[in-house]
Amino acid sequence: MNRSNSSSRESSVREKRSTAFQSHYYTSHLNGADSDEEEFTRIDELNQYVHKLKFRSLFEAILIEARSDKDGLCEFVENGGLNELFDSYLAARKQRPGHDSTGLNSTLCAPVICIFKTEWRKLIG
């Protein structure tokens, strides 16, 4: 193998390096990276930190935050965040063939049923 070709190929590949705080040395400074790669890298860092704090997942931490930050939660939902989250869920669910959705559909519909009941009472009340 030609040594010069090997070293030039290796130098063009970004290596994962360890630092005291970040598991990815390039977390906030991805040279030539697109915005998706930067976001995924930051989310990976956040997930690792959330697990270090002994949460099972980022979603568990977010639910706890939602219970304590009512204003932030309302802003998220009222600005379409819940809709975007649900759209992402639907896209992910389509990628899981064979998933039984019978019980899941009733769980997903529970918040809507509550809204419909409230609106129906207003109409007939």
Foldseek 3Di string as FASTA:
>chain_A
DDPVVVVVVVVVDDDQDDDPQFRRPCQPPDVPDDPVVNVVSVVVRVQVVVVVVVDPGPVSVVVVVCVVCVVVVCVCVVVCVVVVVVVVVVVVVVVDPPDDCPVVVVVVCVVVVVVVVVVVVVVVD
